[in-house]
Amino acid sequence: MRITQRSIGGAMRHIELGRRTAMGAVGLGLGAVLAPQAFAQTQRPTDLTEPMAPGVAGGRVIVIGAGVSGLAAAQRLRSAGMDVLVLEARDRIGGRVFTQTHWQGPAIDLGASWIHGAGPANPIAKLARQMGARLTPTSEERAGVYSGDGGELGAAEQRWLESIRAQIRAAIAQGGRARRDRSLKALVYSALDYDRRAAVEQRMIDYVLNSSY
């Protein structure tokens, strides 16, 4: 499988990947992939190991994007005998899965970290197990929240955070009724008067938006 990356300046770089390498390179080789236990499955997911329809072997296919979906599609097409070219605009593969290892110590996920609903029917969980990744169940009820200085939030700060969370929920509900087309961030920033807030409140607003929506 060949992945072509094109920079803004127009230069192109080709990466040759084998079938296991392509899927392992998206970050599933982490020391721990966090997996909440109880999320309902709303539909039957696609099994990445299912054979493709007959008669597709021998063709040529271009897959746009080297994220998890693009690499999974390329893997299935390659296994069916297709000649696959994956096009990726960034200087890395993985899409939203981005594991940073540019320092000593443990790797840090700057993108996807959780597999929601990591049961036997979940194709991503199945893929993680095939790659030998260690799955660690997590519980939102037992999660700790820390401030920017590294200290865990106390009871008063937790109540403050819950107040911010409630304000955001109310702003989203009101914005939905207004039927105005704008981003969630713009909606919440405007409704909560973000620019006039103290820095600690701004961090709380950003935390809720980035962790809950």
C-alpha atoms as a PDB file:
ATOM      1  CA  MET A   1       0.000   0.000   0.000  1.00  0.00           C
ATOM      2  CA  ARG A   2       1.376   3.430  -0.873  1.00  0.00           C
ATOM      3  CA  ILE A   3       0.472   6.619   1.016  1.00  0.00           C
ATOM      4  CA  THR A   4       1.147   9.930  -0.700  1.00  0.00           C
ATOM      5  CA  GLN A   5       1.455  13.063   1.434  1.00  0.00           C
ATOM      6  CA  ARG A   6       1.335  16.483  -0.219  1.00  0.00           C
ATOM      7  CA  SER A   7       2.493  19.559   1.690  1.00  0.00           C
ATOM      8  CA  ILE A   8       1.097  23.055   1.187  1.00  0.00           C
ATOM      9  CA  GLY A   9       4.163  23.896  -0.872  1.00  0.00           C
ATOM     10  CA  GLY A  10       3.385  21.106  -3.294  1.00  0.00           C
ATOM     11  CA  ALA A  11       6.177  18.642  -2.470  1.00  0.00           C
ATOM     12  CA  MET A  12       5.092  15.009  -2.372  1.00  0.00           C
ATOM     13  CA  ARG A  13       6.366  12.183  -0.192  1.00  0.00           C
ATOM     14  CA  HIS A  14       5.555   8.489  -0.634  1.00  0.00           C
ATOM     15  CA  ILE A  15       5.418   5.972   2.202  1.00  0.00           C
ATOM     16  CA  GLU A  16       5.258   2.257   1.565  1.00  0.00           C
ATOM     17  CA  LEU A  17       3.284   0.404   4.242  1.00  0.00           C
ATOM     18  CA  GLY A  18       2.491  -3.231   4.749  1.00  0.00           C
ATOM     19  CA  ARG A  19      -0.964  -4.316   5.919  1.00  0.00           C
ATOM     20  CA  ARG A  20      -0.072  -4.591   9.642  1.00  0.00           C
ATOM     21  CA  THR A  21       2.099  -1.498   9.564  1.00  0.00           C
ATOM     22  CA  ALA A  22      -0.693   0.636   8.115  1.00  0.00           C
ATOM     23  CA  MET A  23      -3.079  -0.114  10.943  1.00  0.00           C
ATOM     24  CA  GLY A  24      -0.461  -0.182  13.680  1.00  0.00           C
ATOM     25  CA  ALA A  25       0.862   3.238  12.713  1.00  0.00           C
ATOM     26  CA  VAL A  26      -2.311   5.092  13.670  1.00  0.00           C
ATOM     27  CA  GLY A  27      -1.543   4.919  17.378  1.00  0.00           C
ATOM     28  CA  LEU A  28      -3.049   1.595  18.464  1.00  0.00           C
ATOM     29  CA  GLY A  29       0.337   0.425  19.678  1.00  0.00           C
ATOM     30  CA  LEU A  30      -0.046   2.532  22.835  1.00  0.00           C
ATOM     31  CA  GLY A  31       0.785   1.212  26.258  1.00  0.00           C
ATOM     32  CA  ALA A  32      -2.866   1.726  27.171  1.00  0.00           C
ATOM     33  CA  VAL A  33      -5.995   2.434  25.136  1.00  0.00           C
ATOM     34  CA  LEU A  34      -8.707   3.719  27.438  1.00  0.00           C
ATOM     35  CA  ALA A  35     -12.083   2.049  27.000  1.00  0.00           C
ATOM     36  CA  PRO A  36     -15.271   2.998  28.896  1.00  0.00           C
ATOM     37  CA  GLN A  37     -17.300  -0.127  29.573  1.00  0.00           C
ATOM     38  CA  ALA A  38     -20.955   0.747  29.160  1.00  0.00           C
ATOM     39  CA  PHE A  39     -22.036   2.423  25.936  1.00  0.00           C
ATOM     40  CA  ALA A  40     -24.956   1.001  23.960  1.00  0.00           C
ATOM     41  CA  GLN A  41     -24.390  -0.151  20.412  1.00  0.00           C
ATOM     42  CA  THR A  42     -27.002   1.501  18.182  1.00  0.00           C
ATOM     43  CA  GLN A  43     -26.241  -0.447  15.030  1.00  0.00           C
ATOM     44  CA  ARG A  44     -24.255  -3.413  13.808  1.00  0.00           C
ATOM     45  CA  PRO A  45     -20.720  -2.165  13.024  1.00  0.00           C
ATOM     46  CA  THR A  46     -18.794  -3.197   9.956  1.00  0.00           C
ATOM     47  CA  ASP A  47     -16.458  -6.138  10.506  1.00  0.00           C
ATOM     48  CA  LEU A  48     -13.108  -5.149   9.027  1.00  0.00           C
ATOM     49  CA  THR A  49     -12.241  -8.823   8.531  1.00  0.00           C
ATOM     50  CA  GLU A  50     -15.310  -9.670   6.413  1.00  0.00           C
ATOM     51  CA  PRO A  51     -14.492 -10.568   2.783  1.00  0.00           C
ATOM     52  CA  MET A  52     -15.384  -8.029   0.135  1.00  0.00           C
ATOM     53  CA  ALA A  53     -17.787  -8.703  -2.700  1.00  0.00           C
ATOM     54  CA  PRO A  54     -16.429 -10.932  -5.467  1.00  0.00           C
ATOM     55  CA  GLY A  55     -15.165  -9.437  -8.695  1.00  0.00           C
ATOM     56  CA  VAL A  56     -13.333  -6.423  -7.219  1.00  0.00           C
ATOM     57  CA  ALA A  57      -9.778  -7.810  -7.343  1.00  0.00           C
ATOM     58  CA  GLY A  58      -7.304  -6.313  -9.781  1.00  0.00           C
ATOM     59  CA  GLY A  59      -8.702  -2.784  -9.889  1.00  0.00           C
ATOM     60  CA  ARG A  60      -7.064   0.481  -8.858  1.00  0.00           C
ATOM     61  CA  VAL A  61      -8.494   2.624  -6.047  1.00  0.00           C
ATOM     62  CA  ILE A  62      -7.579   5.996  -4.524  1.00  0.00           C
ATOM     63  CA  VAL A  63      -8.489   6.464  -0.843  1.00  0.00           C
ATOM     64  CA  ILE A  64      -8.683  10.083   0.346  1.00  0.00           C
ATOM     65  CA  GLY A  65      -7.344  10.503   3.874  1.00  0.00           C
ATOM     66  CA  ALA A  66      -5.055   8.334   5.995  1.00  0.00           C
ATOM     67  CA  GLY A  67      -7.128   8.413   9.166  1.00  0.00           C
ATOM     68  CA  VAL A  68      -8.504   5.271  10.777  1.00  0.00           C
ATOM     69  CA  SER A  69     -11.378   4.972   8.291  1.00  0.00           C
ATOM     70  CA  GLY A  70      -9.159   5.569   5.269  1.00  0.00           C
ATOM     71  CA  LEU A  71      -6.507   3.106   6.417  1.00  0.00           C
ATOM     72  CA  ALA A  72      -9.130   0.489   7.289  1.00  0.00           C
ATOM     73  CA  ALA A  73     -10.713   0.876   3.841  1.00  0.00           C
ATOM     74  CA  ALA A  74      -7.298   0.663   2.194  1.00  0.00           C
ATOM     75  CA  GLN A  75      -6.454  -2.449   4.186  1.00  0.00           C
ATOM     76  CA  ARG A  76      -9.639  -4.246   3.107  1.00  0.00           C
ATOM     77  CA  LEU A  77      -9.167  -3.213  -0.516  1.00  0.00           C
ATOM     78  CA  ARG A  78      -5.525  -4.337  -0.486  1.00  0.00           C
ATOM     79  CA  SER A  79      -6.465  -7.687   1.054  1.00  0.00           C
ATOM     80  CA  ALA A  80      -9.006  -8.137  -1.761  1.00  0.00           C
ATOM     81  CA  GLY A  81      -6.264  -7.738  -4.363  1.00  0.00           C
ATOM     82  CA  MET A  82      -6.763  -4.103  -5.290  1.00  0.00           C
ATOM     83  CA  ASP A  83      -3.975  -1.656  -6.141  1.00  0.00           C
ATOM     84  CA  VAL A  84      -4.501   1.067  -3.499  1.00  0.00           C
ATOM     85  CA  LEU A  85      -3.144   4.618  -3.319  1.00  0.00           C
ATOM     86  CA  VAL A  86      -3.886   6.565  -0.115  1.00  0.00           C
ATOM     87  CA  LEU A  87      -3.682  10.373  -0.336  1.00  0.00           C
ATOM     88  CA  GLU A  88      -2.997  12.318   2.878  1.00  0.00           C
ATOM     89  CA  ALA A  89      -2.488  16.103   3.062  1.00  0.00           C
ATOM     90  CA  ARG A  90      -0.854  16.142   6.496  1.00  0.00           C
ATOM     91  CA  ASP A  91       2.752  15.224   7.253  1.00  0.00           C
ATOM     92  CA  ARG A  92       1.577  12.224   9.304  1.00  0.00           C
ATOM     93  CA  ILE A  93      -1.026   9.475   9.160  1.00  0.00           C
ATOM     94  CA  GLY A  94      -3.684   8.641  11.747  1.00  0.00           C
ATOM     95  CA  GLY A  95      -6.152  11.527  11.411  1.00  0.00           C
ATOM     96  CA  ARG A  96      -7.684  12.238  14.809  1.00  0.00           C
ATOM     97  CA  VAL A  97      -5.541   9.510  16.364  1.00  0.00           C
ATOM     98  CA  PHE A  98      -2.324  11.341  17.224  1.00  0.00           C
ATOM     99  CA  THR A  99       0.143   9.906  19.727  1.00  0.00           C
ATOM    100  CA  GLN A 100       2.992  12.270  20.593  1.00  0.00           C
ATOM    101  CA  THR A 101       6.334  10.686  21.513  1.00  0.00           C
ATOM    102  CA  HIS A 102       8.732  13.594  20.942  1.00  0.00           C
ATOM    103  CA  TRP A 103      10.026  13.560  24.518  1.00  0.00           C
ATOM    104  CA  GLN A 104      11.283  11.127  27.132  1.00  0.00           C
ATOM    105  CA  GLY A 105       8.746   9.254  29.213  1.00  0.00           C
ATOM    106  CA  PRO A 106       5.283   7.969  28.342  1.00  0.00           C
ATOM    107  CA  ALA A 107       3.525   8.848  25.110  1.00  0.00           C
ATOM    108  CA  ILE A 108       0.628  11.303  25.249  1.00  0.00           C
ATOM    109  CA  ASP A 109      -2.487  11.118  23.101  1.00  0.00           C
ATOM    110  CA  LEU A 110      -3.304  14.498  21.589  1.00  0.00           C
ATOM    111  CA  GLY A 111      -6.227  13.029  19.685  1.00  0.00           C
ATOM    112  CA  ALA A 112      -8.485  10.049  20.199  1.00  0.00           C
ATOM    113  CA  SER A 113      -7.952   8.258  23.519  1.00  0.00           C
ATOM    114  CA  TRP A 114     -11.145   6.309  24.253  1.00  0.00           C
ATOM    115  CA  ILE A 115     -12.902   3.446  22.512  1.00  0.00           C
ATOM    116  CA  HIS A 116     -16.569   3.977  23.331  1.00  0.00           C
ATOM    117  CA  GLY A 117     -18.355   0.688  23.811  1.00  0.00           C
ATOM    118  CA  ALA A 118     -15.330  -1.591  23.663  1.00  0.00           C
ATOM    119  CA  GLY A 119     -17.358  -4.819  23.536  1.00  0.00           C
ATOM    120  CA  PRO A 120     -16.734  -7.764  21.207  1.00  0.00           C
ATOM    121  CA  ALA A 121     -18.866  -6.206  18.437  1.00  0.00           C
ATOM    122  CA  ASN A 122     -16.877  -2.964  18.293  1.00  0.00           C
ATOM    123  CA  PRO A 123     -14.549  -3.071  15.236  1.00  0.00           C
ATOM    124  CA  ILE A 124     -12.075  -0.581  16.727  1.00  0.00           C
ATOM    125  CA  ALA A 125     -11.809  -2.603  19.949  1.00  0.00           C
ATOM    126  CA  LYS A 126     -11.336  -5.745  17.879  1.00  0.00           C
ATOM    127  CA  LEU A 127      -8.594  -4.052  15.878  1.00  0.00           C
ATOM    128  CA  ALA A 128      -6.866  -2.833  19.053  1.00  0.00           C
ATOM    129  CA  ARG A 129      -6.828  -6.373  20.439  1.00  0.00           C
ATOM    130  CA  GLN A 130      -5.447  -7.705  17.164  1.00  0.00           C
ATOM    131  CA  MET A 131      -2.607  -5.175  17.437  1.00  0.00           C
ATOM    132  CA  GLY A 132      -1.903  -6.265  21.021  1.00  0.00           C
ATOM    133  CA  ALA A 133      -2.898  -2.946  22.624  1.00  0.00           C
ATOM    134  CA  ARG A 134      -3.743  -3.076  26.335  1.00  0.00           C
ATOM    135  CA  LEU A 135      -7.329  -1.907  27.008  1.00  0.00           C
ATOM    136  CA  THR A 136      -7.947  -0.212  30.347  1.00  0.00           C
ATOM    137  CA  PRO A 137     -11.590   0.286  31.460  1.00  0.00           C
ATOM    138  CA  THR A 138     -12.300   3.765  32.813  1.00  0.00           C
ATOM    139  CA  SER A 139     -15.142   5.287  34.783  1.00  0.00           C
ATOM    140  CA  GLU A 140     -16.265   8.876  34.340  1.00  0.00           C
ATOM    141  CA  GLU A 141     -17.703   8.857  37.869  1.00  0.00           C
ATOM    142  CA  ARG A 142     -14.255   8.113  39.310  1.00  0.00           C
ATOM    143  CA  ALA A 143     -12.332  10.511  37.065  1.00  0.00           C
ATOM    144  CA  GLY A 144     -10.305  13.293  38.662  1.00  0.00           C
ATOM    145  CA  VAL A 145     -10.158  16.815  37.267  1.00  0.00           C
ATOM    146  CA  TYR A 146      -6.983  18.864  37.596  1.00  0.00           C
ATOM    147  CA  SER A 147      -6.302  22.560  37.165  1.00  0.00           C
ATOM    148  CA  GLY A 148      -3.609  24.082  34.993  1.00  0.00           C
ATOM    149  CA  ASP A 149      -1.145  24.156  37.906  1.00  0.00           C
ATOM    150  CA  GLY A 150      -1.419  20.382  38.377  1.00  0.00           C
ATOM    151  CA  GLY A 151      -3.547  20.369  41.514  1.00  0.00           C
ATOM    152  CA  GLU A 152      -6.804  18.414  41.716  1.00  0.00           C
ATOM    153  CA  LEU A 153      -9.950  20.536  41.904  1.00  0.00           C
ATOM    154  CA  GLY A 154     -11.422  20.874  45.379  1.00  0.00           C
ATOM    155  CA  ALA A 155     -15.113  20.651  46.285  1.00  0.00           C
ATOM    156  CA  ALA A 156     -15.754  24.370  45.705  1.00  0.00           C
ATOM    157  CA  GLU A 157     -14.005  24.299  42.324  1.00  0.00           C
ATOM    158  CA  GLN A 158     -15.946  21.175  41.346  1.00  0.00           C
ATOM    159  CA  ARG A 159     -19.217  23.008  42.059  1.00  0.00           C
ATOM    160  CA  TRP A 160     -17.919  25.954  40.038  1.00  0.00           C
ATOM    161  CA  LEU A 161     -17.169  23.605  37.145  1.00  0.00           C
ATOM    162  CA  GLU A 162     -20.627  22.022  37.360  1.00  0.00           C
ATOM    163  CA  SER A 163     -22.142  25.515  37.220  1.00  0.00           C
ATOM    164  CA  ILE A 164     -20.176  26.213  34.038  1.00  0.00           C
ATOM    165  CA  ARG A 165     -21.315  22.864  32.634  1.00  0.00           C
ATOM    166  CA  ALA A 166     -24.974  23.738  33.369  1.00  0.00           C
ATOM    167  CA  GLN A 167     -24.596  27.143  31.703  1.00  0.00           C
ATOM    168  CA  ILE A 168     -23.167  25.500  28.589  1.00  0.00           C
ATOM    169  CA  ARG A 169     -26.044  22.987  28.425  1.00  0.00           C
ATOM    170  CA  ALA A 170     -28.560  25.842  28.715  1.00  0.00           C
ATOM    171  CA  ALA A 171     -26.760  27.860  26.015  1.00  0.00           C
ATOM    172  CA  ILE A 172     -26.780  24.889  23.643  1.00  0.00           C
ATOM    173  CA  ALA A 173     -30.474  24.236  24.255  1.00  0.00           C
ATOM    174  CA  GLN A 174     -31.347  27.883  23.633  1.00  0.00           C
ATOM    175  CA  GLY A 175     -29.111  28.050  20.570  1.00  0.00           C
ATOM    176  CA  GLY A 176     -30.811  24.975  19.114  1.00  0.00           C
ATOM    177  CA  ARG A 177     -34.176  26.665  19.323  1.00  0.00           C
ATOM    178  CA  ALA A 178     -32.808  29.750  17.549  1.00  0.00           C
ATOM    179  CA  ARG A 179     -31.900  27.625  14.474  1.00  0.00           C
ATOM    180  CA  ARG A 180     -28.955  29.869  13.648  1.00  0.00           C
ATOM    181  CA  ASP A 181     -26.116  28.183  11.763  1.00  0.00           C
ATOM    182  CA  ARG A 182     -22.868  28.622  13.708  1.00  0.00           C
ATOM    183  CA  SER A 183     -20.262  26.518  15.428  1.00  0.00           C
ATOM    184  CA  LEU A 184     -20.752  25.154  18.949  1.00  0.00           C
ATOM    185  CA  LYS A 185     -17.718  27.107  20.127  1.00  0.00           C
ATOM    186  CA  ALA A 186     -19.059  30.395  18.742  1.00  0.00           C
ATOM    187  CA  LEU A 187     -22.463  29.725  20.288  1.00  0.00           C
ATOM    188  CA  VAL A 188     -21.098  28.986  23.762  1.00  0.00           C
ATOM    189  CA  TYR A 189     -18.496  31.758  23.727  1.00  0.00           C
ATOM    190  CA  SER A 190     -21.164  34.297  22.851  1.00  0.00           C
ATOM    191  CA  ALA A 191     -23.787  33.030  25.300  1.00  0.00           C
ATOM    192  CA  LEU A 192     -21.343  32.834  28.220  1.00  0.00           C
ATOM    193  CA  ASP A 193     -19.576  36.116  27.384  1.00  0.00           C
ATOM    194  CA  TYR A 194     -16.300  34.235  27.191  1.00  0.00           C
ATOM    195  CA  ASP A 195     -13.972  37.175  26.538  1.00  0.00           C
ATOM    196  CA  ARG A 196     -15.075  38.938  29.733  1.00  0.00           C
ATOM    197  CA  ARG A 197     -14.562  35.877  31.932  1.00  0.00           C
ATOM    198  CA  ALA A 198     -11.607  35.313  34.224  1.00  0.00           C
ATOM    199  CA  ALA A 199      -8.866  33.065  32.854  1.00  0.00           C
ATOM    200  CA  VAL A 200      -9.812  30.195  35.178  1.00  0.00           C
ATOM    201  CA  GLU A 201     -13.414  30.305  33.947  1.00  0.00           C
ATOM    202  CA  GLN A 202     -12.249  30.371  30.338  1.00  0.00           C
ATOM    203  CA  ARG A 203     -10.204  27.240  30.993  1.00  0.00           C
ATOM    204  CA  MET A 204     -13.259  25.566  32.527  1.00  0.00           C
ATOM    205  CA  ILE A 205     -15.410  26.462  29.521  1.00  0.00           C
ATOM    206  CA  ASP A 206     -12.783  25.125  27.131  1.00  0.00           C
ATOM    207  CA  TYR A 207     -12.394  21.966  29.225  1.00  0.00           C
ATOM    208  CA  VAL A 208     -16.121  21.222  29.108  1.00  0.00           C
ATOM    209  CA  LEU A 209     -16.325  21.887  25.359  1.00  0.00           C
ATOM    210  CA  ASN A 210     -13.288  19.719  24.588  1.00  0.00           C
ATOM    211  CA  SER A 211     -14.181  16.844  26.897  1.00  0.00           C
ATOM    212  CA  SER A 212     -17.965  16.615  26.577  1.00  0.00           C
ATOM    213  CA  TYR A 213     -18.914  17.734  23.060  1.00  0.00           C
END
